[in-house]
Amino acid sequence: PPSYQNGVLFLEYGTIDRSNFDAVTVPSTQEIVVIRNKDASNAAARIINPRTRTASTLGTVIQNALEWNYPALVLIPDTERILLQYGNAIRYSDDLGATWSLYSESPTPGGVISSFGRSRMAYYRGDIGLVIEDLAGAVNGTIHQWASSDLGATFVEVKAHTGLGYGVSYQSTEAGVFVFYLRQADNFPVIRHMSGPFAD
């Protein structure tokens, strides 16, 4: 039977970690495309339709992504193309996540990040921002900020914010982009506003 809590209908639930999935809403259909880790090197896609109250499994999207275990999604509003950053590569889907094609390999230069953590992307006025946590012991808490002016084909590093924090999230609004993180020193939640993906 349907499961409600505080007036919210739960279509499904699970035990995946907060960092191991990302989701975007497709404006024209209001469907939600979810990418989650299946295990250490595989990612799977699901489509949730709030109108029909159904969730469909699309199967494995990427296999053996050895370098990057935390997926990040962003939707391009004009075309509703979905970009996925996973396995240190950019993939795209033009059919609501049903199929994925490789867009660019290794958009971020190798060796910059020692141990990939949570990543998030945001689209703002033709540019794409990408933030990545570095989980390596000596630099744990470093958040790398990348930006793309060619819709994800290539990225340049804007800044490495050393010792900043973790649990990073990244959102765009009409007023610019916002980065949320938990401060490394005391776990205090911080929100930073920037004029766009190339600002630090």
C-alpha atoms as a PDB file:
ATOM      1  CA  PRO A   1       0.000   0.000   0.000  1.00  0.00           C
ATOM      2  CA  PRO A   2       1.114   3.628  -0.393  1.00  0.00           C
ATOM      3  CA  SER A   3       3.313   4.905   2.406  1.00  0.00           C
ATOM      4  CA  TYR A   4       2.791   8.466   3.650  1.00  0.00           C
ATOM      5  CA  GLN A   5       4.739  10.422   6.238  1.00  0.00           C
ATOM      6  CA  ASN A   6       3.757  13.991   7.154  1.00  0.00           C
ATOM      7  CA  GLY A   7       1.653  14.154   3.995  1.00  0.00           C
ATOM      8  CA  VAL A   8       4.511  13.040   1.711  1.00  0.00           C
ATOM      9  CA  LEU A   9       4.083   9.914  -0.431  1.00  0.00           C
ATOM     10  CA  PHE A  10       7.173   7.707  -0.465  1.00  0.00           C
ATOM     11  CA  LEU A  11       7.527   5.881  -3.778  1.00  0.00           C
ATOM     12  CA  GLU A  12      10.544   3.961  -2.543  1.00  0.00           C
ATOM     13  CA  TYR A  13      13.267   4.120   0.053  1.00  0.00           C
ATOM     14  CA  GLY A  14      16.689   2.622   0.580  1.00  0.00           C
ATOM     15  CA  THR A  15      19.919   2.896   2.488  1.00  0.00           C
ATOM     16  CA  ILE A  16      22.244   4.557  -0.039  1.00  0.00           C
ATOM     17  CA  ASP A  17      24.630   7.165   1.331  1.00  0.00           C
ATOM     18  CA  ARG A  18      23.846  10.849   0.731  1.00  0.00           C
ATOM     19  CA  SER A  19      26.981  11.228  -1.395  1.00  0.00           C
ATOM     20  CA  ASN A  20      26.340   8.224  -3.610  1.00  0.00           C
ATOM     21  CA  PHE A  21      23.506   9.584  -5.712  1.00  0.00           C
ATOM     22  CA  ASP A  22      22.373  12.716  -7.510  1.00  0.00           C
ATOM     23  CA  ALA A  23      19.133  13.697  -9.228  1.00  0.00           C
ATOM     24  CA  VAL A  24      17.693  16.248 -11.645  1.00  0.00           C
ATOM     25  CA  THR A  25      14.094  17.152 -12.502  1.00  0.00           C
ATOM     26  CA  VAL A  26      13.159  17.406 -16.186  1.00  0.00           C
ATOM     27  CA  PRO A  27      11.036  20.588 -16.552  1.00  0.00           C
ATOM     28  CA  SER A  28       8.818  19.456 -19.440  1.00  0.00           C
ATOM     29  CA  THR A  29       7.731  16.163 -17.848  1.00  0.00           C
ATOM     30  CA  GLN A  30       8.500  16.736 -14.139  1.00  0.00           C
ATOM     31  CA  GLU A  31      10.149  13.319 -14.122  1.00  0.00           C
ATOM     32  CA  ILE A  32      13.123  12.849 -11.823  1.00  0.00           C
ATOM     33  CA  VAL A  33      16.265  11.167 -13.141  1.00  0.00           C
ATOM     34  CA  VAL A  34      18.370   9.585 -10.413  1.00  0.00           C
ATOM     35  CA  ILE A  35      21.895   8.210 -10.721  1.00  0.00           C
ATOM     36  CA  ARG A  36      23.216   6.132  -7.850  1.00  0.00           C
ATOM     37  CA  ASN A  37      26.187   3.913  -7.121  1.00  0.00           C
ATOM     38  CA  LYS A  38      25.485   0.219  -7.367  1.00  0.00           C
ATOM     39  CA  ASP A  39      28.860  -0.615  -5.862  1.00  0.00           C
ATOM     40  CA  ALA A  40      32.420   0.703  -5.888  1.00  0.00           C
ATOM     41  CA  SER A  41      32.670   1.034  -9.677  1.00  0.00           C
ATOM     42  CA  ASN A  42      29.194   0.864 -11.221  1.00  0.00           C
ATOM     43  CA  ALA A  43      26.376   3.400 -11.504  1.00  0.00           C
ATOM     44  CA  ALA A  44      22.695   2.799 -12.221  1.00  0.00           C
ATOM     45  CA  ALA A  45      19.878   5.069 -13.414  1.00  0.00           C
ATOM     46  CA  ARG A  46      16.247   5.342 -12.325  1.00  0.00           C
ATOM     47  CA  ILE A  47      13.346   7.513 -13.464  1.00  0.00           C
ATOM     48  CA  ILE A  48      10.742   8.563 -10.907  1.00  0.00           C
ATOM     49  CA  ASN A  49       7.428   9.844 -12.244  1.00  0.00           C
ATOM     50  CA  PRO A  50       5.504  11.753  -9.534  1.00  0.00           C
ATOM     51  CA  ARG A  51       2.373  11.917 -11.699  1.00  0.00           C
ATOM     52  CA  THR A  52       1.998   8.153 -12.038  1.00  0.00           C
ATOM     53  CA  ARG A  53       3.717   7.502  -8.702  1.00  0.00           C
ATOM     54  CA  THR A  54       6.051   4.983 -10.281  1.00  0.00           C
ATOM     55  CA  ALA A  55       9.790   4.421 -10.327  1.00  0.00           C
ATOM     56  CA  SER A  56      11.496   2.494 -13.113  1.00  0.00           C
ATOM     57  CA  THR A  57      14.959   0.950 -13.074  1.00  0.00           C
ATOM     58  CA  LEU A  58      17.012   1.550 -16.212  1.00  0.00           C
ATOM     59  CA  GLY A  59      19.917  -0.684 -15.267  1.00  0.00           C
ATOM     60  CA  THR A  60      23.639  -0.076 -15.187  1.00  0.00           C
ATOM     61  CA  VAL A  61      24.812   3.120 -16.887  1.00  0.00           C
ATOM     62  CA  ILE A  62      28.532   2.927 -16.302  1.00  0.00           C
ATOM     63  CA  GLN A  63      30.655  -0.070 -15.450  1.00  0.00           C
ATOM     64  CA  ASN A  64      34.159  -0.157 -14.021  1.00  0.00           C
ATOM     65  CA  ALA A  65      34.528   3.555 -13.373  1.00  0.00           C
ATOM     66  CA  LEU A  66      37.662   3.046 -11.349  1.00  0.00           C
ATOM     67  CA  GLU A  67      38.546   6.606 -10.439  1.00  0.00           C
ATOM     68  CA  TRP A  68      35.349   8.410  -9.446  1.00  0.00           C
ATOM     69  CA  ASN A  69      32.684   6.866  -7.290  1.00  0.00           C
ATOM     70  CA  TYR A  70      30.425   9.859  -6.620  1.00  0.00           C
ATOM     71  CA  PRO A  71      28.048  10.838  -9.447  1.00  0.00           C
ATOM     72  CA  ALA A  72      27.082  14.437 -10.248  1.00  0.00           C
ATOM     73  CA  LEU A  73      24.234  15.468 -12.567  1.00  0.00           C
ATOM     74  CA  VAL A  74      23.252  18.712 -14.233  1.00  0.00           C
ATOM     75  CA  LEU A  75      20.470  19.516 -16.710  1.00  0.00           C
ATOM     76  CA  ILE A  76      20.885  21.983 -19.589  1.00  0.00           C
ATOM     77  CA  PRO A  77      17.581  23.912 -19.572  1.00  0.00           C
ATOM     78  CA  ASP A  78      17.345  24.798 -23.283  1.00  0.00           C
ATOM     79  CA  THR A  79      17.716  21.227 -24.551  1.00  0.00           C
ATOM     80  CA  GLU A  80      16.992  19.197 -21.408  1.00  0.00           C
ATOM     81  CA  ARG A  81      20.203  17.306 -22.044  1.00  0.00           C
ATOM     82  CA  ILE A  82      21.486  15.701 -18.847  1.00  0.00           C
ATOM     83  CA  LEU A  83      25.213  15.618 -18.125  1.00  0.00           C
ATOM     84  CA  LEU A  84      26.734  13.097 -15.746  1.00  0.00           C
ATOM     85  CA  GLN A  85      30.177  13.354 -14.184  1.00  0.00           C
ATOM     86  CA  TYR A  86      31.308   9.891 -13.131  1.00  0.00           C
ATOM     87  CA  GLY A  87      34.546   7.952 -13.489  1.00  0.00           C
ATOM     88  CA  ASN A  88      36.326  11.258 -14.247  1.00  0.00           C
ATOM     89  CA  ALA A  89      34.430  11.492 -17.517  1.00  0.00           C
ATOM     90  CA  ILE A  90      31.411  13.435 -18.733  1.00  0.00           C
ATOM     91  CA  ARG A  91      28.530  11.467 -20.209  1.00  0.00           C
ATOM     92  CA  TYR A  92      25.252  12.800 -21.592  1.00  0.00           C
ATOM     93  CA  SER A  93      21.702  11.628 -22.119  1.00  0.00           C
ATOM     94  CA  ASP A  94      19.070  13.111 -24.439  1.00  0.00           C
ATOM     95  CA  ASP A  95      16.348  10.597 -23.505  1.00  0.00           C
ATOM     96  CA  LEU A  96      15.705  11.142 -19.797  1.00  0.00           C
ATOM     97  CA  GLY A  97      18.561   8.917 -18.740  1.00  0.00           C
ATOM     98  CA  ALA A  98      17.516   5.842 -20.701  1.00  0.00           C
ATOM     99  CA  THR A  99      20.806   5.803 -22.642  1.00  0.00           C
ATOM    100  CA  TRP A 100      24.149   7.515 -22.043  1.00  0.00           C
ATOM    101  CA  SER A 101      27.015   8.401 -24.379  1.00  0.00           C
ATOM    102  CA  LEU A 102      30.574   9.488 -23.613  1.00  0.00           C
ATOM    103  CA  TYR A 103      30.956  13.257 -24.049  1.00  0.00           C
ATOM    104  CA  SER A 104      34.503  13.878 -22.868  1.00  0.00           C
ATOM    105  CA  GLU A 105      37.170  11.742 -21.238  1.00  0.00           C
ATOM    106  CA  SER A 106      39.155  13.014 -18.262  1.00  0.00           C
ATOM    107  CA  PRO A 107      37.785  16.570 -18.252  1.00  0.00           C
ATOM    108  CA  THR A 108      39.823  17.258 -15.115  1.00  0.00           C
ATOM    109  CA  PRO A 109      43.600  16.678 -15.387  1.00  0.00           C
ATOM    110  CA  GLY A 110      44.908  13.582 -13.626  1.00  0.00           C
ATOM    111  CA  GLY A 111      46.842  13.908 -10.396  1.00  0.00           C
ATOM    112  CA  VAL A 112      45.132  17.087  -9.201  1.00  0.00           C
ATOM    113  CA  ILE A 113      42.853  15.215  -6.807  1.00  0.00           C
ATOM    114  CA  SER A 114      44.328  12.396  -4.759  1.00  0.00           C
ATOM    115  CA  SER A 115      41.113  10.719  -3.595  1.00  0.00           C
ATOM    116  CA  PHE A 116      37.819  11.652  -5.219  1.00  0.00           C
ATOM    117  CA  GLY A 117      34.915  12.421  -2.888  1.00  0.00           C
ATOM    118  CA  ARG A 118      31.476  13.930  -3.326  1.00  0.00           C
ATOM    119  CA  SER A 119      31.001  16.073  -6.439  1.00  0.00           C
ATOM    120  CA  ARG A 120      28.202  18.354  -7.595  1.00  0.00           C
ATOM    121  CA  MET A 121      27.474  20.370 -10.768  1.00  0.00           C
ATOM    122  CA  ALA A 122      25.350  23.422 -11.539  1.00  0.00           C
ATOM    123  CA  TYR A 123      24.372  25.242 -14.749  1.00  0.00           C
ATOM    124  CA  TYR A 124      24.340  29.036 -14.811  1.00  0.00           C
ATOM    125  CA  ARG A 125      23.842  31.212 -17.910  1.00  0.00           C
ATOM    126  CA  GLY A 126      25.722  28.975 -20.328  1.00  0.00           C
ATOM    127  CA  ASP A 127      28.485  27.923 -17.916  1.00  0.00           C
ATOM    128  CA  ILE A 128      28.753  24.788 -15.802  1.00  0.00           C
ATOM    129  CA  GLY A 129      30.339  24.699 -12.374  1.00  0.00           C
ATOM    130  CA  LEU A 130      31.748  21.562 -10.774  1.00  0.00           C
ATOM    131  CA  VAL A 131      32.872  21.167  -7.160  1.00  0.00           C
ATOM    132  CA  ILE A 132      34.806  18.128  -5.963  1.00  0.00           C
ATOM    133  CA  GLU A 133      35.889  17.003  -2.500  1.00  0.00           C
ATOM    134  CA  ASP A 134      39.406  15.640  -2.051  1.00  0.00           C
ATOM    135  CA  LEU A 135      39.395  12.894   0.579  1.00  0.00           C
ATOM    136  CA  ALA A 136      43.151  12.328   0.748  1.00  0.00           C
ATOM    137  CA  GLY A 137      44.496  12.321   4.309  1.00  0.00           C
ATOM    138  CA  ALA A 138      46.930  15.220   4.052  1.00  0.00           C
ATOM    139  CA  VAL A 139      44.472  17.496   2.243  1.00  0.00           C
ATOM    140  CA  ASN A 140      41.193  16.135   3.591  1.00  0.00           C
ATOM    141  CA  GLY A 141      38.673  18.956   3.461  1.00  0.00           C
ATOM    142  CA  THR A 142      39.950  20.503   0.229  1.00  0.00           C
ATOM    143  CA  ILE A 143      37.176  21.405  -2.212  1.00  0.00           C
ATOM    144  CA  HIS A 144      38.251  21.880  -5.822  1.00  0.00           C
ATOM    145  CA  GLN A 145      36.195  24.302  -7.882  1.00  0.00           C
ATOM    146  CA  TRP A 146      36.068  23.762 -11.658  1.00  0.00           C
ATOM    147  CA  ALA A 147      34.159  25.561 -14.409  1.00  0.00           C
ATOM    148  CA  SER A 148      33.296  24.941 -18.058  1.00  0.00           C
ATOM    149  CA  SER A 149      32.340  27.446 -20.746  1.00  0.00           C
ATOM    150  CA  ASP A 150      31.675  24.764 -23.394  1.00  0.00           C
ATOM    151  CA  LEU A 151      28.857  22.851 -21.670  1.00  0.00           C
ATOM    152  CA  GLY A 152      31.108  20.301 -20.033  1.00  0.00           C
ATOM    153  CA  ALA A 153      33.484  19.385 -22.858  1.00  0.00           C
ATOM    154  CA  THR A 154      36.428  20.833 -20.916  1.00  0.00           C
ATOM    155  CA  PHE A 155      36.917  22.237 -17.419  1.00  0.00           C
ATOM    156  CA  VAL A 156      39.450  24.604 -15.888  1.00  0.00           C
ATOM    157  CA  GLU A 157      40.202  24.698 -12.189  1.00  0.00           C
ATOM    158  CA  VAL A 158      39.072  27.979 -10.657  1.00  0.00           C
ATOM    159  CA  LYS A 159      40.535  27.344  -7.219  1.00  0.00           C
ATOM    160  CA  ALA A 160      41.463  24.634  -4.729  1.00  0.00           C
ATOM    161  CA  HIS A 161      39.924  25.669  -1.399  1.00  0.00           C
ATOM    162  CA  THR A 162      42.302  23.941   1.026  1.00  0.00           C
ATOM    163  CA  GLY A 163      40.903  22.704   4.332  1.00  0.00           C
ATOM    164  CA  LEU A 164      37.489  24.160   3.563  1.00  0.00           C
ATOM    165  CA  GLY A 165      35.109  21.354   4.465  1.00  0.00           C
ATOM    166  CA  TYR A 166      32.978  18.476   3.234  1.00  0.00           C
ATOM    167  CA  GLY A 167      29.386  17.522   2.355  1.00  0.00           C
ATOM    168  CA  VAL A 168      29.466  19.964  -0.530  1.00  0.00           C
ATOM    169  CA  SER A 169      26.349  20.965  -2.475  1.00  0.00           C
ATOM    170  CA  TYR A 170      26.073  23.349  -5.432  1.00  0.00           C
ATOM    171  CA  GLN A 171      22.993  25.215  -6.690  1.00  0.00           C
ATOM    172  CA  SER A 172      22.278  27.965  -9.218  1.00  0.00           C
ATOM    173  CA  THR A 173      19.666  30.721  -8.983  1.00  0.00           C
ATOM    174  CA  GLU A 174      18.889  33.903 -10.879  1.00  0.00           C
ATOM    175  CA  ALA A 175      21.306  35.687  -8.533  1.00  0.00           C
ATOM    176  CA  GLY A 176      24.293  33.399  -9.167  1.00  0.00           C
ATOM    177  CA  VAL A 177      25.507  30.135  -7.671  1.00  0.00           C
ATOM    178  CA  PHE A 178      25.529  28.969  -4.072  1.00  0.00           C
ATOM    179  CA  VAL A 179      27.934  26.489  -2.492  1.00  0.00           C
ATOM    180  CA  PHE A 180      27.000  24.739   0.732  1.00  0.00           C
ATOM    181  CA  TYR A 181      29.454  22.779   2.859  1.00  0.00           C
ATOM    182  CA  LEU A 182      30.208  21.765   6.415  1.00  0.00           C
ATOM    183  CA  ARG A 183      33.255  23.648   7.656  1.00  0.00           C
ATOM    184  CA  GLN A 184      36.231  21.403   8.314  1.00  0.00           C
ATOM    185  CA  ALA A 185      37.247  23.063  11.590  1.00  0.00           C
ATOM    186  CA  ASP A 186      33.970  22.717  13.490  1.00  0.00           C
ATOM    187  CA  ASN A 187      31.354  21.065  11.233  1.00  0.00           C
ATOM    188  CA  PHE A 188      29.479  24.383  11.050  1.00  0.00           C
ATOM    189  CA  PRO A 189      27.207  24.704   7.954  1.00  0.00           C
ATOM    190  CA  VAL A 190      28.338  27.429   5.553  1.00  0.00           C
ATOM    191  CA  ILE A 191      26.659  28.893   2.450  1.00  0.00           C
ATOM    192  CA  ARG A 192      28.712  30.954  -0.005  1.00  0.00           C
ATOM    193  CA  HIS A 193      27.243  33.064  -2.828  1.00  0.00           C
ATOM    194  CA  MET A 194      29.232  33.615  -6.020  1.00  0.00           C
ATOM    195  CA  SER A 195      28.372  35.529  -9.176  1.00  0.00           C
ATOM    196  CA  GLY A 196      28.923  32.460 -11.377  1.00  0.00           C
ATOM    197  CA  PRO A 197      30.922  29.228 -11.827  1.00  0.00           C
ATOM    198  CA  PHE A 198      34.135  31.097 -12.716  1.00  0.00           C
ATOM    199  CA  ALA A 199      34.051  33.277  -9.563  1.00  0.00           C
ATOM    200  CA  ASP A 200      35.717  32.166  -6.333  1.00  0.00           C
END
